[in-house]
């Protein structure tokens, strides 16, 4: 639009000048010392316009030529920025895709070549996150240190480095290191939501319940932490603070600082009730538990409510019966009433409530309470039954087989082959002859565990069987073992009852018998 406007304007001016110059026939006289130049008015105007145009072009050309280095630097800067953006986008894309090795490589390259401090810090923190995902914690710490050096005194960049480092430390479980990084930010007045969340994570890992309580309240008040997350944190932290300060007596101050809705939380109510019970104030214990039970009939609260001082039994029975009227089918309330009746020695009412509770739900604790009641009332059979039921409910018992016996052993396949290898090593007495030679220091009696033959054994009657066996028996001196095997029907190392050991023959008789045996074998 501007081009059309200027074109139209210049055309109009040119037409007006042309008409004016055509009608004007004047002369222009230029006198310079002795020089006199006289031209027409139209020519003079044209010369002036041409001179202006030429001068303008020359000046613009000089400006353009002198601005070349600046334009080159600007082009290089734009090119560098474009390359930095490409590397940063590529690195972040790879980081989000889970390709941490490639992301760390590209982001580290950007950290080294970029001239922008902001991009250097951003690249260093991103590369540190990629190295953290790879488990390279040494490289991660090095990259964090480089990013911190690049940030320098810039407050915003320093806070970014600190929060990123704390987040990575917390992921690794190094809560103390994360706290050391975050504390300077907190002391400097940094109240960012992300910083407070990181502090909350660090204090939770360090079990600093006092700080967890403060930060959870702060984040909940600023709507930075949903109530579904804040309530459990406040509950656990407040209960832990009450238990920690119970020995010193400072729990009363903490209890006063709690809000009314915080006191009705289950863990807080249990811890507060335990503290007041230790202080000997049963009435306060009842009030605390009743306020919590009005919000939720939690089984842990009911169990604590059932354990009471005898002076509080009537009050608690009345309260529990009122709750039972609202929810008549609640077995927990029936169990609580039965337990309270036991504490008040109301045996009949206790049995009634406990039986009604068992009719709605089988519970090992209720069975145990009934068993204790029956023991008190000297009803042993019913007590034993309830004890068995309590055990069966609370424990997975194995199924025991009844009227079943192991089958008799099958001995048909037991080995009973007669092994005759090495019988030449034996004498008629059933053990080696060298055992009978006392002159070599060998025992005359066979050692225990060696088979001995009774005197009534007819060794000659077995010769035919032995001859047939030895025709195919392996020869011991050719590499086959010559093991001593017992005769069939005899157990190694045991002597038959009523049998005597055969006398040891002399060496002459032994050699003659061996010769006769070899002749028989050859025949």
Protein backbone atom coordinates (compact mmCIF):
# COMPACT_ATOMS: atom_id res chain seq x y z
CA UNK A 1 0.00 0.00 0.00
CA UNK A 2 2.82 2.37 0.83
CA UNK A 3 4.47 1.63 -2.52
CA UNK A 4 1.34 2.55 -4.42
CA UNK A 5 0.97 5.71 -2.39
CA UNK A 6 4.51 6.90 -3.03
CA UNK A 7 4.27 6.00 -6.72
CA UNK A 8 1.10 8.02 -7.07
CA UNK A 9 2.57 10.95 -5.17
CA UNK A 10 5.76 11.07 -7.22
CA UNK A 11 3.83 10.79 -10.48
CA UNK A 12 1.61 13.69 -9.46
CA UNK A 13 4.60 15.85 -8.51
CA UNK A 14 6.34 15.04 -11.81
CA UNK A 15 3.27 16.00 -13.84
CA UNK A 16 2.85 19.24 -11.93
CA UNK A 17 6.52 20.14 -12.40
CA UNK A 18 6.43 19.31 -16.08
CA UNK A 19 3.41 21.56 -16.66
CA UNK A 20 4.90 24.37 -14.58
CA UNK A 21 8.26 24.21 -16.30
CA UNK A 22 6.69 24.15 -19.73
CA UNK A 23 4.77 27.33 -19.11
CA UNK A 24 7.73 29.06 -17.40
CA UNK A 25 10.33 30.34 -19.93
CA UNK A 26 12.58 32.06 -17.44
CA UNK A 27 16.37 31.82 -17.23
CA UNK A 28 18.70 30.95 -14.40
CA UNK A 29 22.01 32.83 -14.14
CA UNK A 30 24.82 31.39 -12.10
CA UNK A 31 27.77 33.74 -11.41
CA UNK A 32 30.94 32.39 -9.82
CA UNK A 33 33.79 34.93 -9.81
CA UNK A 34 34.53 35.41 -13.47
CA UNK A 35 32.32 32.56 -14.54
CA UNK A 36 28.79 33.17 -15.69
CA UNK A 37 26.43 30.31 -16.54
CA UNK A 38 22.96 30.99 -17.85
CA UNK A 39 20.55 28.11 -18.39
CA UNK A 40 16.84 27.78 -18.66
CA UNK A 41 14.78 27.34 -15.56
CA UNK A 42 13.61 23.88 -16.61
CA UNK A 43 17.14 22.68 -17.19
CA UNK A 44 18.26 24.01 -13.83
CA UNK A 45 15.46 22.16 -12.08
CA UNK A 46 16.32 18.94 -13.86
CA UNK A 47 19.99 19.34 -12.90
CA UNK A 48 19.07 19.85 -9.27
CA UNK A 49 16.82 16.81 -9.22
CA UNK A 50 19.43 14.65 -10.94
CA UNK A 51 22.12 15.87 -8.55
CA UNK A 52 19.97 15.02 -5.58
CA UNK A 53 19.28 11.56 -6.91
CA UNK A 54 22.94 10.89 -7.63
CA UNK A 55 23.98 12.16 -4.23
CA UNK A 56 21.36 10.04 -2.54
CA UNK A 57 22.49 6.92 -4.40
CA UNK A 58 26.13 7.58 -3.58
CA UNK A 59 25.39 8.11 0.10
CA UNK A 60 23.24 4.99 0.25
CA UNK A 61 25.96 2.99 -1.47
CA UNK A 62 28.55 4.21 1.00
CA UNK A 63 26.28 3.38 3.91
CA UNK A 64 25.63 -0.08 2.50
CA UNK A 65 29.33 -0.72 1.98
CA UNK A 66 30.28 0.41 5.44
CA UNK A 67 27.50 -1.72 6.94
CA UNK A 68 28.69 -4.97 5.37
CA UNK A 69 30.69 -6.18 8.42
CA UNK A 70 27.77 -5.48 10.71
CA UNK A 71 25.39 -7.33 8.42
CA UNK A 72 27.77 -10.26 8.22
CA UNK A 73 27.95 -10.45 11.99
CA UNK A 74 24.18 -10.25 12.22
CA UNK A 75 23.84 -13.02 9.66
CA UNK A 76 26.25 -15.18 11.60
CA UNK A 77 24.34 -14.50 14.79
CA UNK A 78 21.05 -15.42 13.16
CA UNK A 79 22.60 -18.55 11.75
CA UNK A 80 24.02 -19.47 15.18
CA UNK A 81 20.68 -18.86 16.84
CA UNK A 82 18.96 -21.01 14.24
CA UNK A 83 21.47 -23.83 14.78
CA UNK A 84 21.13 -23.49 18.55
CA UNK A 85 17.37 -23.69 18.32
CA UNK A 86 17.59 -26.74 16.09
CA UNK A 87 19.95 -28.50 18.51
CA UNK A 88 17.84 -27.52 21.49
CA UNK A 89 14.63 -28.71 19.86
CA UNK A 90 16.26 -31.94 18.75
CA UNK A 91 17.75 -32.56 22.20
CA UNK A 92 14.49 -31.91 24.00
CA UNK A 93 12.58 -34.10 21.54
CA UNK A 94 15.03 -36.96 22.14
CA UNK A 95 14.83 -36.37 25.89
CA UNK A 96 11.04 -36.61 25.85
CA UNK A 97 11.18 -39.68 23.60
CA UNK A 98 13.50 -41.42 26.04
CA UNK A 99 16.57 -41.48 23.80
CA UNK A 100 18.74 -40.16 26.58
CA UNK A 101 22.14 -40.95 25.06
CA UNK A 102 21.40 -38.98 21.87
CA UNK A 103 19.80 -36.20 23.89
CA UNK A 104 22.85 -35.86 26.12
CA UNK A 105 25.13 -35.78 23.08
CA UNK A 106 23.18 -33.03 21.28
CA UNK A 107 22.63 -30.93 24.40
CA UNK A 108 26.29 -31.17 25.41
CA UNK A 109 27.24 -30.02 21.92
CA UNK A 110 24.90 -27.06 22.32
CA UNK A 111 26.43 -26.26 25.70
CA UNK A 112 29.90 -26.06 24.16
CA UNK A 113 29.10 -24.09 21.00
CA UNK A 114 26.31 -21.70 22.02
CA UNK A 115 27.14 -18.06 22.75
CA UNK A 116 23.97 -17.34 24.68
CA UNK A 117 24.18 -17.76 28.45
CA UNK A 118 20.51 -18.65 28.71
CA UNK A 119 20.80 -21.38 26.10
CA UNK A 120 24.00 -22.68 27.69
CA UNK A 121 22.33 -23.00 31.09
CA UNK A 122 19.24 -24.58 29.57
CA UNK A 123 21.35 -27.04 27.57
CA UNK A 124 23.44 -27.92 30.63
CA UNK A 125 20.39 -28.63 32.78
CA UNK A 126 18.75 -30.68 30.04
CA UNK A 127 21.92 -32.70 29.46
CA UNK A 128 22.20 -33.28 33.21
CA UNK A 129 18.66 -34.67 33.24
CA UNK A 130 19.52 -37.01 30.36
CA UNK A 131 22.66 -38.22 32.15
CA UNK A 132 20.61 -38.75 35.30
CA UNK A 133 18.16 -40.90 33.36
CA UNK A 134 21.11 -42.98 32.11
CA UNK A 135 22.41 -43.44 35.66
CA UNK A 136 25.59 -41.50 34.90
CA UNK A 137 25.55 -39.48 38.12
CA UNK A 138 29.16 -38.29 37.84
CA UNK A 139 28.49 -36.76 34.42
CA UNK A 140 25.26 -35.33 35.75
CA UNK A 141 27.08 -33.55 38.58
CA UNK A 142 29.68 -32.23 36.14
CA UNK A 143 26.98 -30.82 33.85
CA UNK A 144 25.20 -29.23 36.79
CA UNK A 145 28.45 -27.58 37.86
CA UNK A 146 28.96 -26.21 34.34
CA UNK A 147 25.42 -24.84 34.28
CA UNK A 148 25.98 -23.20 37.65
CA UNK A 149 29.18 -21.56 36.40
CA UNK A 150 27.42 -20.31 33.27
CA UNK A 151 24.57 -18.86 35.33
CA UNK A 152 26.98 -16.69 37.30
CA UNK A 153 25.24 -13.98 39.29
CA UNK A 154 21.98 -14.12 37.38
CA UNK A 155 19.31 -14.73 40.04
CA UNK A 156 16.78 -16.34 37.74
CA UNK A 157 19.27 -18.73 36.18
CA UNK A 158 20.77 -19.60 39.58
CA UNK A 159 17.34 -20.52 40.94
CA UNK A 160 16.68 -22.62 37.85
CA UNK A 161 19.95 -24.52 38.36
CA UNK A 162 19.23 -25.03 42.07
CA UNK A 163 15.69 -26.35 41.57
CA UNK A 164 16.73 -28.65 38.72
CA UNK A 165 19.63 -30.05 40.76
CA UNK A 166 17.41 -30.56 43.81
CA UNK A 167 14.83 -32.40 41.71
CA UNK A 168 17.49 -34.78 40.37
CA UNK A 169 18.96 -35.34 43.84
CA UNK A 170 15.53 -36.19 45.23
CA UNK A 171 14.94 -38.68 42.43
CA UNK A 172 18.19 -40.37 43.45
CA UNK A 173 17.20 -40.30 47.13
CA UNK A 174 19.84 -37.76 48.17
CA UNK A 175 17.51 -35.65 50.27
CA UNK A 176 20.27 -34.02 52.30
CA UNK A 177 22.08 -32.75 49.19
CA UNK A 178 18.81 -31.49 47.76
CA UNK A 179 18.11 -29.65 51.01
CA UNK A 180 21.54 -28.03 50.94
CA UNK A 181 20.76 -26.67 47.48
CA UNK A 182 17.24 -25.49 48.33
CA UNK A 183 17.89 -23.88 51.71
CA UNK A 184 19.71 -20.82 50.25
CA UNK A 185 16.69 -20.21 48.03
CA UNK A 186 14.35 -20.44 51.00
CA UNK A 187 16.52 -18.14 53.08
CA UNK A 188 16.65 -15.65 50.20
CA UNK A 189 12.87 -15.42 50.30
CA UNK A 190 12.04 -17.60 47.33
CA UNK A 191 8.42 -18.70 47.79
CA UNK A 192 7.84 -20.36 44.45
CA UNK A 193 5.39 -23.24 44.52
CA UNK A 194 7.84 -25.59 42.82
CA UNK A 195 10.54 -24.78 45.36
CA UNK A 196 8.13 -25.43 48.24
CA UNK A 197 7.13 -28.76 46.73
CA UNK A 198 10.76 -29.79 46.42
CA UNK A 199 11.36 -28.79 50.04
CA UNK A 200 8.36 -30.87 51.07
CA UNK A 201 9.76 -33.90 49.25
CA UNK A 202 13.16 -33.44 50.86
CA UNK A 203 11.76 -33.12 54.38
CA UNK A 204 9.54 -36.16 53.84
CA UNK A 205 12.53 -38.27 52.84
CA UNK A 206 14.40 -37.01 55.91
CA UNK A 207 11.38 -37.69 58.19
CA UNK A 208 11.32 -34.06 59.33
CA UNK A 209 7.70 -34.09 60.44
CA UNK A 210 7.79 -30.52 61.79
CA UNK A 211 8.74 -29.03 58.42
CA UNK A 212 6.43 -31.39 56.55
CA UNK A 213 3.51 -30.12 58.63
CA UNK A 214 4.37 -26.47 57.95
CA UNK A 215 4.94 -26.91 54.21
CA UNK A 216 1.85 -29.08 53.73
CA UNK A 217 -0.28 -26.43 55.40
CA UNK A 218 1.31 -23.68 53.30
CA UNK A 219 0.82 -25.47 50.00
CA UNK A 220 -2.74 -26.42 50.91
CA UNK A 221 -3.54 -22.83 51.83
CA UNK A 222 -2.12 -21.59 48.51
CA UNK A 223 -4.15 -24.21 46.59
CA UNK A 224 -0.88 -25.62 45.27
CA UNK A 225 -1.51 -29.04 46.84
CA UNK A 226 -4.85 -30.83 46.45
CA UNK A 227 -6.65 -31.60 49.69
CA UNK A 228 -6.60 -35.30 48.86
CA UNK A 229 -2.78 -35.11 49.03
CA UNK A 230 -2.48 -32.51 51.78
CA UNK A 231 -4.71 -34.25 54.34
CA UNK A 232 -2.63 -37.48 54.56
CA UNK A 233 0.56 -35.44 54.84
CA UNK A 234 -0.85 -33.24 57.59
CA UNK A 235 -2.27 -36.30 59.34
CA UNK A 236 0.97 -38.28 59.36
CA UNK A 237 3.15 -35.27 60.19
CA UNK A 238 0.97 -34.06 63.07
CA UNK A 239 0.69 -37.56 64.53
CA UNK A 240 4.44 -38.03 64.27
CA UNK A 241 5.04 -34.70 66.01
CA UNK A 242 2.74 -35.68 68.87
CA UNK A 243 4.53 -39.01 69.33
CA UNK A 244 7.99 -37.44 69.10
CA UNK A 245 7.27 -34.79 71.72
CA UNK A 246 5.40 -37.10 74.09
CA UNK A 247 8.44 -37.83 76.33
CA UNK A 248 9.36 -34.15 76.61
CA UNK A 249 5.81 -32.93 77.25
CA UNK A 250 5.76 -30.45 74.36
CA UNK A 251 2.90 -32.32 72.73
CA UNK A 252 0.34 -30.10 74.45
CA UNK A 253 1.60 -27.04 72.57
CA UNK A 254 1.44 -28.91 69.29
CA UNK A 255 -2.07 -30.14 70.10
CA UNK A 256 -3.24 -26.58 70.73
CA UNK A 257 -1.78 -25.42 67.42
CA UNK A 258 -3.80 -28.01 65.49
CA UNK A 259 -7.05 -26.95 63.89
CA UNK A 260 -10.32 -28.63 64.85
CA UNK A 261 -10.61 -30.45 61.53
CA UNK A 262 -7.01 -31.65 61.85
CA UNK A 263 -7.68 -33.12 65.30
CA UNK A 264 -10.39 -35.38 63.89
CA UNK A 265 -8.00 -37.08 61.47
CA UNK A 266 -7.56 -40.74 62.40
CA UNK A 267 -3.82 -40.81 63.08
CA UNK A 268 -3.91 -37.45 64.85
CA UNK A 269 -6.80 -38.54 67.05
CA UNK A 270 -5.05 -41.80 67.96
CA UNK A 271 -1.80 -40.00 68.80
CA UNK A 272 -3.63 -37.34 70.81
CA UNK A 273 -5.65 -39.95 72.68
CA UNK A 274 -2.47 -41.84 73.54
CA UNK A 275 -0.87 -38.63 74.81
CA UNK A 276 -3.84 -37.70 77.02
CA UNK A 277 -4.09 -41.28 78.25
CA UNK A 278 -0.43 -41.19 79.26
CA UNK A 279 -1.17 -37.91 81.05
CA UNK A 280 -3.99 -39.57 83.02
CA UNK A 281 -6.91 -37.71 81.45
CA UNK A 282 -9.41 -40.39 80.33
CA UNK A 283 -12.22 -37.88 79.81
CA UNK A 284 -10.17 -35.99 77.21
CA UNK A 285 -9.33 -39.29 75.55
CA UNK A 286 -13.04 -40.04 75.20
CA UNK A 287 -13.76 -36.60 73.76
CA UNK A 288 -10.97 -36.84 71.20
CA UNK A 289 -12.00 -40.29 69.99
CA UNK A 290 -15.68 -39.39 69.92
CA UNK A 291 -15.02 -36.30 67.80
CA UNK A 292 -13.00 -38.39 65.36
CA UNK A 293 -15.62 -41.17 65.28
CA UNK A 294 -18.31 -38.63 64.45
CA UNK A 295 -16.41 -38.04 61.21
CA UNK A 296 -15.51 -41.64 60.42
CA UNK A 297 -16.21 -44.98 62.11
CA UNK A 298 -12.67 -46.17 61.56
CA UNK A 299 -11.87 -49.63 62.92
CA UNK A 300 -8.67 -48.37 64.56
CA UNK A 301 -10.58 -45.62 66.34
CA UNK A 302 -13.22 -48.10 67.52
CA UNK A 303 -10.53 -50.46 68.77
CA UNK A 304 -8.93 -47.63 70.75
CA UNK A 305 -12.36 -46.51 71.97
CA UNK A 306 -13.06 -50.00 73.30
CA UNK A 307 -9.94 -49.88 75.49
CA UNK A 308 -10.92 -47.56 78.29
CA UNK A 309 -10.78 -46.86 81.97
CA UNK A 310 -13.63 -48.48 83.99
CA UNK A 311 -14.90 -45.01 84.83
CA UNK A 312 -15.55 -44.32 81.13
CA UNK A 313 -17.38 -47.54 80.30
CA UNK A 314 -20.90 -46.18 80.84
CA UNK A 315 -20.24 -43.04 78.79
CA UNK A 316 -18.72 -44.96 75.91
CA UNK A 317 -21.46 -47.59 75.94
CA UNK A 318 -24.05 -44.85 75.58
CA UNK A 319 -22.18 -43.22 72.70
CA UNK A 320 -21.59 -46.49 70.89
CA UNK A 321 -25.23 -47.53 71.21
CA UNK A 322 -26.23 -44.20 69.68
CA UNK A 323 -23.93 -44.86 66.72
CA UNK A 324 -25.33 -48.39 66.44
CA UNK A 325 -28.83 -47.00 66.04
CA UNK A 326 -27.64 -45.06 62.98
CA UNK A 327 -25.83 -48.07 61.47
CA UNK A 328 -27.37 -51.18 63.06
CA UNK A 329 -25.58 -53.61 60.74
CA UNK A 330 -22.03 -52.45 61.54
CA UNK A 331 -20.08 -55.42 62.99
CA UNK A 332 -17.32 -53.11 64.24
CA UNK A 333 -19.77 -51.30 66.52
CA UNK A 334 -21.11 -54.61 67.85
CA UNK A 335 -17.56 -55.75 68.57
CA UNK A 336 -16.82 -52.47 70.34
CA UNK A 337 -19.97 -52.81 72.45
CA UNK A 338 -19.04 -56.37 73.35
CA UNK A 339 -15.53 -55.30 74.34
CA UNK A 340 -16.90 -52.43 76.44
CA UNK A 341 -19.32 -54.81 78.16
CA UNK A 342 -16.39 -57.08 78.97
CA UNK A 343 -14.58 -54.11 80.50
CA UNK A 344 -17.71 -53.31 82.52
CA UNK A 345 -18.16 -57.00 83.49
CA UNK A 346 -21.55 -57.18 81.77
CA UNK A 347 -21.13 -60.79 80.72
CA UNK A 348 -24.56 -61.39 79.23
CA UNK A 349 -24.58 -58.23 77.14
CA UNK A 350 -21.02 -58.92 76.03
CA UNK A 351 -21.96 -62.40 74.79
CA UNK A 352 -25.01 -60.99 73.01
CA UNK A 353 -23.11 -58.26 71.16
CA UNK A 354 -20.20 -60.51 70.23
CA UNK A 355 -22.53 -63.21 68.93
CA UNK A 356 -24.39 -60.65 66.82
CA UNK A 357 -21.08 -59.42 65.45
CA UNK A 358 -20.06 -62.96 64.46
CA UNK A 359 -23.40 -63.43 62.74
CA UNK A 360 -22.46 -60.59 60.37
CA UNK A 361 -18.73 -61.22 59.97
CA UNK A 362 -16.32 -63.92 61.09
CA UNK A 363 -13.45 -62.27 62.94
CA UNK A 364 -10.59 -63.94 64.82
CA UNK A 365 -10.57 -61.16 67.41
CA UNK A 366 -14.27 -61.63 68.19
CA UNK A 367 -13.79 -65.39 68.51
CA UNK A 368 -10.92 -64.74 70.91
CA UNK A 369 -13.07 -62.34 72.97
CA UNK A 370 -15.84 -64.92 73.19
CA UNK A 371 -13.33 -67.59 74.16
CA UNK A 372 -11.99 -65.38 76.95
CA UNK A 373 -15.55 -64.73 78.11
CA UNK A 374 -16.38 -68.44 78.18
CA UNK A 375 -13.18 -69.13 80.09
CA UNK A 376 -14.28 -66.53 82.60
CA UNK A 377 -17.73 -68.13 82.85
CA UNK A 378 -16.16 -71.61 83.23
CA UNK A 379 -17.59 -72.99 80.00
CA UNK A 380 -14.51 -74.82 78.76
CA UNK A 381 -16.03 -76.66 75.82
CA UNK A 382 -17.45 -73.51 74.26
CA UNK A 383 -14.22 -71.67 75.02
CA UNK A 384 -12.17 -74.36 73.27
CA UNK A 385 -14.49 -74.18 70.27
CA UNK A 386 -14.05 -70.41 70.02
CA UNK A 387 -10.28 -70.69 70.37
CA UNK A 388 -10.21 -73.20 67.52
CA UNK A 389 -12.39 -70.94 65.38
CA UNK A 390 -10.14 -67.97 66.12
CA UNK A 391 -7.12 -69.98 65.03
CA UNK A 392 -8.87 -71.21 61.90
CA UNK A 393 -9.90 -67.68 60.89
CA UNK A 394 -6.54 -66.04 61.56
CA UNK A 395 -4.29 -68.79 60.21
CA UNK A 396 -4.31 -70.82 57.04
CA UNK A 397 -4.23 -74.38 58.36
CA UNK A 398 -3.10 -77.32 56.24
CA UNK A 399 -5.62 -79.96 55.28
CA UNK A 400 -4.69 -83.12 57.19
CA UNK A 401 -5.58 -86.42 55.52
CA UNK A 402 -7.54 -88.88 57.68
CA UNK A 403 -7.69 -92.71 57.57
CA UNK A 404 -4.90 -92.95 55.03
CA UNK A 405 -1.80 -95.15 55.34
CA UNK A 406 1.33 -95.55 53.34
CA UNK A 407 1.24 -98.60 51.01
CA UNK A 408 3.49 -101.55 51.75
CA UNK A 409 6.91 -101.48 50.13
CA UNK A 410 7.27 -103.52 46.92
CA UNK A 411 10.35 -105.73 47.35
CA UNK A 412 9.88 -107.78 44.17
CA UNK A 413 12.32 -105.58 42.30
CA UNK A 414 14.99 -105.58 45.00
CA UNK A 415 18.42 -106.91 43.78
CA UNK A 416 19.09 -110.53 44.64
CA UNK A 417 21.73 -111.61 42.09
CA UNK A 418 24.58 -113.71 43.38
CA UNK A 419 27.90 -111.96 42.66
CA UNK A 420 30.84 -114.34 42.48
CA UNK A 421 33.55 -111.92 41.37
CA UNK A 422 36.68 -112.20 43.44
CA UNK A 423 35.78 -115.50 45.13
CA UNK A 424 39.32 -116.75 44.43
CA UNK A 425 40.37 -114.08 46.84
CA UNK A 426 38.34 -115.75 49.58
CA UNK A 427 39.01 -118.95 51.48
CA UNK A 428 36.49 -121.49 52.65
CA UNK A 429 35.95 -119.45 55.72
CA UNK A 430 34.47 -116.56 53.68
CA UNK A 431 37.23 -113.94 54.31
CA UNK A 432 40.76 -113.43 52.95
CA UNK A 433 43.44 -115.79 54.18
CA UNK A 434 45.86 -113.00 55.04
CA UNK A 435 43.59 -112.00 57.89
CA UNK A 436 44.52 -115.25 59.58
CA UNK A 437 48.27 -114.64 59.37
CA UNK A 438 49.16 -113.24 62.71
CA UNK A 439 52.87 -113.00 61.95
CA UNK A 440 52.29 -109.94 59.73
CA UNK A 441 50.53 -107.96 62.37
CA UNK A 442 47.11 -108.50 60.81
CA UNK A 443 44.13 -109.22 63.02
CA UNK A 444 43.17 -112.85 63.26
CA UNK A 445 39.53 -111.87 63.55
CA UNK A 446 37.84 -110.43 60.46
CA UNK A 447 36.89 -106.80 60.79
CA UNK A 448 33.32 -105.80 61.30
CA UNK A 449 31.25 -105.43 58.18
CA UNK A 450 32.83 -108.43 56.36
CA UNK A 451 30.66 -111.43 55.59
CA UNK A 452 31.55 -114.66 57.38
CA UNK A 453 30.13 -118.06 56.40
CA UNK A 454 28.67 -120.42 58.92
CA UNK A 455 30.43 -123.72 59.54
CA UNK A 456 27.47 -125.65 58.25
CA UNK A 457 27.72 -124.10 54.80
CA UNK A 458 28.61 -126.72 52.22
CA UNK A 459 30.98 -124.90 49.95
CA UNK A 460 31.66 -127.94 47.76
CA UNK A 461 27.97 -128.22 46.90
CA UNK A 462 28.23 -124.87 45.13
CA UNK A 463 31.26 -125.81 43.02
CA UNK A 464 29.25 -126.69 39.93
CA UNK A 465 27.48 -123.37 39.98
CA UNK A 466 30.76 -121.55 40.54
CA UNK A 467 32.42 -123.42 37.68
CA UNK A 468 29.69 -122.40 35.27
CA UNK A 469 29.89 -118.81 36.51
CA UNK A 470 33.69 -118.50 36.33
CA UNK A 471 33.69 -119.66 32.68
CA UNK A 472 32.37 -116.20 31.78
CA UNK A 473 33.49 -114.21 34.83
CA UNK A 474 35.87 -111.24 34.25
CA UNK A 475 39.49 -111.71 35.17
CA UNK A 476 40.51 -109.38 37.98
CA UNK A 477 44.14 -108.91 36.95
CA UNK A 478 43.08 -107.71 33.44
CA UNK A 479 41.63 -104.53 34.78
CA UNK A 480 38.30 -105.73 36.16
CA UNK A 481 37.65 -105.08 39.85
CA UNK A 482 37.61 -108.12 42.07
CA UNK A 483 35.04 -106.95 44.61
CA UNK A 484 34.12 -109.07 47.57
CA UNK A 485 30.43 -109.89 47.27
CA UNK A 486 28.27 -111.65 49.84
CA UNK A 487 26.53 -114.90 49.18
CA UNK A 488 22.89 -114.80 48.32
CA UNK A 489 20.72 -114.67 51.37
CA UNK A 490 23.42 -113.19 53.67
CA UNK A 491 23.79 -109.60 54.75
CA UNK A 492 27.19 -108.01 54.70
CA UNK A 493 28.61 -107.57 58.16
CA UNK A 494 25.97 -109.73 59.91
CA UNK A 495 26.41 -113.25 61.16
CA UNK A 496 23.54 -115.74 60.96
CA UNK A 497 22.03 -116.57 64.28
CA UNK A 498 23.34 -119.78 65.75
CA UNK A 499 26.13 -120.09 63.16
CA UNK A 500 29.80 -120.43 63.94
CA UNK A 501 32.65 -119.01 61.93
CA UNK A 502 34.56 -121.67 59.99
CA UNK A 503 38.14 -122.29 61.21
CA UNK A 504 40.91 -120.70 59.21
CA UNK A 505 42.81 -123.34 57.18
CA UNK A 506 46.58 -123.51 57.12
CA UNK A 507 48.51 -122.15 54.15
CA UNK A 508 49.17 -125.72 52.84
CA UNK A 509 45.53 -126.67 52.90
CA UNK A 510 44.61 -123.35 51.38
CA UNK A 511 46.98 -123.80 48.44
CA UNK A 512 45.82 -127.38 47.88
CA UNK A 513 42.22 -126.33 47.84
CA UNK A 514 42.98 -123.59 45.35
CA UNK A 515 44.77 -126.12 43.06
CA UNK A 516 41.83 -128.51 43.26
CA UNK A 517 39.45 -125.71 42.46
CA UNK A 518 41.47 -124.69 39.36
CA UNK A 519 41.53 -128.32 38.15
CA UNK A 520 37.84 -128.57 38.57
CA UNK A 521 37.35 -125.34 36.65
CA UNK A 522 39.49 -126.57 33.75
CA UNK A 523 37.58 -129.83 33.61
